[in-house]
Amino acid sequence: MPEAENYEALLSLAERLGEAKPRGLNKSEIDQLPSYRYKPESSAETDQTLCVICMCDFEAKQNLRVLPCHHEFHARCIDKWLKTNRTCPICRRDSTVQIQEAD
């Protein structure tokens, strides 16, 4: 196939696919997700006691972030993940927070 035809095929494909969209969340979107300091005594409320990203147990006073699907992770681990992925690493649910404007 001549180069000109390859180029035309690529242009046609690019038109069909549209503009590239960012896959992850930006810092302000990540900062809107709730976070808290882990307290082992309050972990009875949830079955989750480890971060599935780094596979380490949650420890007292570590900063955890909670996604809309209610899965919890070390904030550092999930923040890095969310910069390139919009979904929860466990259930693949979209992690974007819907901001409702006050009327």
N, C-alpha and C. Protein backbone atom coordinates (compact mmCIF):
# COMPACT_ATOMS: atom_id res chain seq x y z
N MET A 1 0.85 -1.18 0.00
CA MET A 1 0.00 0.00 0.00
C MET A 1 0.90 1.24 0.00
N PRO A 2 0.69 2.16 -0.92
CA PRO A 2 1.50 3.38 -0.97
C PRO A 2 1.33 4.23 0.28
N GLU A 3 2.37 5.04 0.56
CA GLU A 3 2.35 5.90 1.75
C GLU A 3 1.16 6.84 1.78
N ALA A 4 0.79 7.39 0.66
CA ALA A 4 -0.33 8.33 0.59
C ALA A 4 -1.63 7.67 1.05
N GLU A 5 -1.83 6.40 0.67
CA GLU A 5 -3.04 5.69 1.08
C GLU A 5 -3.02 5.40 2.58
N ASN A 6 -1.85 5.04 3.12
CA ASN A 6 -1.72 4.82 4.56
C ASN A 6 -2.06 6.09 5.33
N TYR A 7 -1.53 7.20 4.85
CA TYR A 7 -1.77 8.49 5.49
C TYR A 7 -3.26 8.83 5.46
N GLU A 8 -3.89 8.63 4.32
CA GLU A 8 -5.33 8.91 4.19
C GLU A 8 -6.14 8.00 5.11
N ALA A 9 -5.74 6.74 5.22
CA ALA A 9 -6.43 5.80 6.11
C ALA A 9 -6.31 6.25 7.56
N LEU A 10 -5.13 6.72 7.95
CA LEU A 10 -4.94 7.22 9.31
C LEU A 10 -5.76 8.47 9.58
N LEU A 11 -5.82 9.37 8.62
CA LEU A 11 -6.64 10.58 8.77
C LEU A 11 -8.12 10.22 8.92
N SER A 12 -8.57 9.27 8.13
CA SER A 12 -9.96 8.82 8.20
C SER A 12 -10.26 8.21 9.57
N LEU A 13 -9.35 7.40 10.07
CA LEU A 13 -9.52 6.79 11.38
C LEU A 13 -9.55 7.85 12.47
N ALA A 14 -8.67 8.83 12.40
CA ALA A 14 -8.63 9.92 13.38
C ALA A 14 -9.94 10.70 13.39
N GLU A 15 -10.52 10.93 12.23
CA GLU A 15 -11.80 11.64 12.16
C GLU A 15 -12.92 10.84 12.81
N ARG A 16 -12.92 9.54 12.60
CA ARG A 16 -13.96 8.69 13.19
C ARG A 16 -13.82 8.60 14.70
N LEU A 17 -12.59 8.54 15.20
CA LEU A 17 -12.37 8.40 16.64
C LEU A 17 -12.56 9.70 17.40
N GLY A 18 -12.34 10.82 16.75
CA GLY A 18 -12.46 12.10 17.42
C GLY A 18 -11.21 12.45 18.19
N GLU A 19 -11.30 13.55 18.95
CA GLU A 19 -10.15 14.01 19.71
C GLU A 19 -9.86 13.07 20.87
N ALA A 20 -8.58 12.97 21.22
CA ALA A 20 -8.19 12.16 22.36
C ALA A 20 -8.69 12.83 23.63
N LYS A 21 -9.24 12.04 24.51
CA LYS A 21 -9.77 12.58 25.76
C LYS A 21 -8.88 12.10 26.90
N PRO A 22 -8.72 12.92 27.93
CA PRO A 22 -7.89 12.49 29.05
C PRO A 22 -8.52 11.28 29.75
N ARG A 23 -7.70 10.30 30.06
CA ARG A 23 -8.20 9.09 30.67
C ARG A 23 -8.39 9.24 32.18
N GLY A 24 -7.51 9.99 32.82
CA GLY A 24 -7.55 10.09 34.27
C GLY A 24 -8.27 11.33 34.76
N LEU A 25 -8.20 11.53 36.08
CA LEU A 25 -8.79 12.71 36.71
C LEU A 25 -7.69 13.75 36.93
N ASN A 26 -8.09 15.02 36.96
CA ASN A 26 -7.11 16.06 37.28
C ASN A 26 -7.06 16.25 38.80
N LYS A 27 -6.12 17.04 39.28
CA LYS A 27 -5.91 17.20 40.72
C LYS A 27 -7.15 17.72 41.43
N SER A 28 -7.84 18.68 40.84
CA SER A 28 -9.02 19.23 41.51
C SER A 28 -10.14 18.19 41.61
N GLU A 29 -10.27 17.33 40.61
CA GLU A 29 -11.27 16.26 40.68
C GLU A 29 -10.91 15.24 41.76
N ILE A 30 -9.63 14.90 41.85
CA ILE A 30 -9.18 13.95 42.88
C ILE A 30 -9.38 14.55 44.27
N ASP A 31 -9.07 15.84 44.43
CA ASP A 31 -9.20 16.50 45.73
C ASP A 31 -10.65 16.57 46.21
N GLN A 32 -11.61 16.44 45.32
CA GLN A 32 -13.02 16.47 45.71
C GLN A 32 -13.48 15.14 46.32
N LEU A 33 -12.72 14.09 46.12
CA LEU A 33 -13.08 12.80 46.70
C LEU A 33 -12.78 12.83 48.20
N PRO A 34 -13.66 12.26 49.02
CA PRO A 34 -13.46 12.31 50.47
C PRO A 34 -12.24 11.50 50.92
N SER A 35 -11.62 12.00 51.99
CA SER A 35 -10.50 11.28 52.59
C SER A 35 -10.61 11.41 54.10
N TYR A 36 -9.92 10.52 54.83
CA TYR A 36 -9.95 10.56 56.29
C TYR A 36 -8.73 9.82 56.83
N ARG A 37 -8.45 10.04 58.13
CA ARG A 37 -7.35 9.35 58.80
C ARG A 37 -7.88 8.02 59.34
N TYR A 38 -7.18 6.95 59.02
CA TYR A 38 -7.61 5.61 59.41
C TYR A 38 -7.48 5.40 60.91
N LYS A 39 -8.52 4.82 61.51
CA LYS A 39 -8.52 4.45 62.92
C LYS A 39 -8.87 2.96 62.99
N PRO A 40 -7.93 2.13 63.42
CA PRO A 40 -8.18 0.68 63.44
C PRO A 40 -9.43 0.29 64.24
N GLU A 41 -9.70 1.01 65.31
CA GLU A 41 -10.87 0.66 66.13
C GLU A 41 -12.19 0.90 65.40
N SER A 42 -12.19 1.76 64.38
CA SER A 42 -13.43 2.01 63.63
C SER A 42 -13.50 1.18 62.35
N SER A 43 -12.53 0.29 62.16
CA SER A 43 -12.52 -0.52 60.93
C SER A 43 -13.58 -1.61 60.94
N ALA A 44 -14.26 -1.79 62.06
CA ALA A 44 -15.33 -2.79 62.12
C ALA A 44 -16.49 -2.41 61.22
N GLU A 45 -16.59 -1.11 60.87
CA GLU A 45 -17.66 -0.64 60.00
C GLU A 45 -17.49 -1.12 58.56
N THR A 46 -16.29 -1.48 58.18
CA THR A 46 -16.01 -1.92 56.81
C THR A 46 -15.19 -3.20 56.83
N ASP A 47 -15.34 -4.01 55.81
CA ASP A 47 -14.56 -5.25 55.70
C ASP A 47 -13.18 -5.00 55.13
N GLN A 48 -12.99 -3.84 54.54
CA GLN A 48 -11.74 -3.54 53.85
C GLN A 48 -10.69 -3.06 54.84
N THR A 49 -9.58 -3.79 54.93
CA THR A 49 -8.51 -3.43 55.86
C THR A 49 -7.15 -3.29 55.17
N LEU A 50 -7.14 -3.44 53.82
CA LEU A 50 -5.89 -3.26 53.11
C LEU A 50 -6.13 -2.55 51.79
N CYS A 51 -5.08 -1.93 51.32
CA CYS A 51 -5.10 -1.22 50.04
C CYS A 51 -4.78 -2.24 48.94
N VAL A 52 -5.72 -2.45 48.03
CA VAL A 52 -5.49 -3.46 46.98
C VAL A 52 -4.49 -2.99 45.92
N ILE A 53 -4.11 -1.73 45.96
CA ILE A 53 -3.12 -1.24 45.00
C ILE A 53 -1.71 -1.64 45.45
N CYS A 54 -1.36 -1.35 46.71
CA CYS A 54 -0.02 -1.69 47.21
C CYS A 54 -0.01 -2.99 48.01
N MET A 55 -1.21 -3.52 48.31
CA MET A 55 -1.38 -4.76 49.07
C MET A 55 -0.85 -4.67 50.51
N CYS A 56 -0.84 -3.46 51.07
CA CYS A 56 -0.43 -3.26 52.46
C CYS A 56 -1.65 -2.96 53.32
N ASP A 57 -1.61 -3.43 54.57
CA ASP A 57 -2.70 -3.16 55.50
C ASP A 57 -2.77 -1.68 55.82
N PHE A 58 -3.98 -1.21 56.09
CA PHE A 58 -4.15 0.16 56.56
C PHE A 58 -3.60 0.23 57.97
N GLU A 59 -2.90 1.32 58.28
CA GLU A 59 -2.34 1.52 59.61
C GLU A 59 -2.88 2.81 60.20
N ALA A 60 -2.86 2.89 61.52
CA ALA A 60 -3.40 4.04 62.24
C ALA A 60 -2.82 5.34 61.68
N LYS A 61 -3.68 6.31 61.52
CA LYS A 61 -3.37 7.68 61.09
C LYS A 61 -2.97 7.81 59.62
N GLN A 62 -3.02 6.74 58.85
CA GLN A 62 -2.75 6.87 57.42
C GLN A 62 -3.93 7.55 56.75
N ASN A 63 -3.64 8.36 55.75
CA ASN A 63 -4.69 9.07 55.02
C ASN A 63 -5.27 8.13 53.96
N LEU A 64 -6.58 7.87 54.06
CA LEU A 64 -7.28 7.02 53.10
C LEU A 64 -8.23 7.86 52.27
N ARG A 65 -8.46 7.44 51.05
CA ARG A 65 -9.42 8.12 50.18
C ARG A 65 -10.53 7.13 49.84
N VAL A 66 -11.76 7.66 49.80
CA VAL A 66 -12.94 6.83 49.53
C VAL A 66 -13.52 7.23 48.18
N LEU A 67 -13.71 6.25 47.31
CA LEU A 67 -14.30 6.50 46.00
C LEU A 67 -15.83 6.45 46.11
N PRO A 68 -16.54 6.98 45.12
CA PRO A 68 -18.01 6.96 45.15
C PRO A 68 -18.60 5.55 45.32
N CYS A 69 -17.87 4.53 44.92
CA CYS A 69 -18.33 3.14 45.07
C CYS A 69 -18.09 2.61 46.48
N HIS A 70 -17.51 3.44 47.35
CA HIS A 70 -17.21 3.14 48.76
C HIS A 70 -15.98 2.27 48.97
N HIS A 71 -15.20 2.00 47.94
CA HIS A 71 -13.94 1.30 48.14
C HIS A 71 -12.91 2.30 48.66
N GLU A 72 -12.04 1.83 49.55
CA GLU A 72 -11.06 2.69 50.21
C GLU A 72 -9.64 2.25 49.85
N PHE A 73 -8.75 3.25 49.78
CA PHE A 73 -7.36 3.02 49.41
C PHE A 73 -6.49 4.02 50.15
N HIS A 74 -5.17 3.73 50.24
CA HIS A 74 -4.25 4.76 50.69
C HIS A 74 -4.40 5.92 49.71
N ALA A 75 -4.47 7.13 50.22
CA ALA A 75 -4.66 8.29 49.35
C ALA A 75 -3.53 8.39 48.32
N ARG A 76 -2.29 8.17 48.74
CA ARG A 76 -1.16 8.25 47.79
C ARG A 76 -1.30 7.23 46.67
N CYS A 77 -1.74 6.03 47.01
CA CYS A 77 -1.87 4.96 45.99
C CYS A 77 -2.98 5.28 45.00
N ILE A 78 -4.16 5.61 45.51
CA ILE A 78 -5.30 5.83 44.61
C ILE A 78 -5.14 7.13 43.82
N ASP A 79 -4.52 8.15 44.43
CA ASP A 79 -4.31 9.40 43.69
C ASP A 79 -3.44 9.16 42.46
N LYS A 80 -2.40 8.36 42.62
CA LYS A 80 -1.53 8.04 41.48
C LYS A 80 -2.32 7.25 40.43
N TRP A 81 -3.12 6.30 40.86
CA TRP A 81 -3.96 5.51 39.95
C TRP A 81 -4.92 6.41 39.18
N LEU A 82 -5.59 7.32 39.90
CA LEU A 82 -6.63 8.15 39.29
C LEU A 82 -6.08 9.16 38.29
N LYS A 83 -4.79 9.45 38.34
CA LYS A 83 -4.21 10.37 37.36
C LYS A 83 -4.20 9.76 35.96
N THR A 84 -4.28 8.43 35.88
CA THR A 84 -4.28 7.77 34.57
C THR A 84 -5.53 6.93 34.31
N ASN A 85 -6.37 6.73 35.34
CA ASN A 85 -7.58 5.91 35.20
C ASN A 85 -8.75 6.61 35.89
N ARG A 86 -9.90 6.61 35.30
CA ARG A 86 -11.08 7.25 35.90
C ARG A 86 -11.91 6.27 36.72
N THR A 87 -11.53 5.01 36.74
CA THR A 87 -12.36 3.99 37.36
C THR A 87 -11.71 3.40 38.61
N CYS A 88 -12.55 2.82 39.45
CA CYS A 88 -12.09 2.12 40.65
C CYS A 88 -11.30 0.88 40.23
N PRO A 89 -10.14 0.63 40.85
CA PRO A 89 -9.37 -0.55 40.48
C PRO A 89 -10.02 -1.87 40.90
N ILE A 90 -11.02 -1.80 41.78
CA ILE A 90 -11.70 -3.03 42.22
C ILE A 90 -12.91 -3.33 41.35
N CYS A 91 -13.83 -2.38 41.25
CA CYS A 91 -15.11 -2.65 40.57
C CYS A 91 -15.23 -1.98 39.20
N ARG A 92 -14.27 -1.13 38.85
CA ARG A 92 -14.24 -0.41 37.56
C ARG A 92 -15.34 0.63 37.40
N ARG A 93 -15.98 1.01 38.48
CA ARG A 93 -17.00 2.05 38.43
C ARG A 93 -16.32 3.41 38.25
N ASP A 94 -16.97 4.30 37.51
CA ASP A 94 -16.44 5.64 37.27
C ASP A 94 -16.26 6.36 38.61
N SER A 95 -15.12 7.01 38.79
CA SER A 95 -14.80 7.66 40.06
C SER A 95 -15.03 9.16 40.06
N THR A 96 -15.59 9.69 38.99
CA THR A 96 -15.81 11.13 38.96
C THR A 96 -16.93 11.50 39.91
N VAL A 97 -16.73 12.61 40.59
CA VAL A 97 -17.72 13.12 41.53
C VAL A 97 -18.63 14.09 40.79
N GLN A 98 -19.91 13.90 40.91
CA GLN A 98 -20.85 14.81 40.28
C GLN A 98 -21.06 16.00 41.21
N ILE A 99 -20.66 17.17 40.76
CA ILE A 99 -20.80 18.38 41.56
C ILE A 99 -22.15 19.01 41.23
N GLN A 100 -22.95 19.21 42.26
CA GLN A 100 -24.24 19.85 42.05
C GLN A 100 -24.12 21.31 42.44
N GLU A 101 -24.48 22.16 41.51
CA GLU A 101 -24.40 23.59 41.78
C GLU A 101 -25.56 24.02 42.64
N ALA A 102 -25.27 24.87 43.61
CA ALA A 102 -26.33 25.40 44.48
C ALA A 102 -27.15 26.41 43.71
N ASP A 103 -28.46 26.29 43.82
CA ASP A 103 -29.35 27.23 43.13
C ASP A 103 -29.66 28.41 44.02
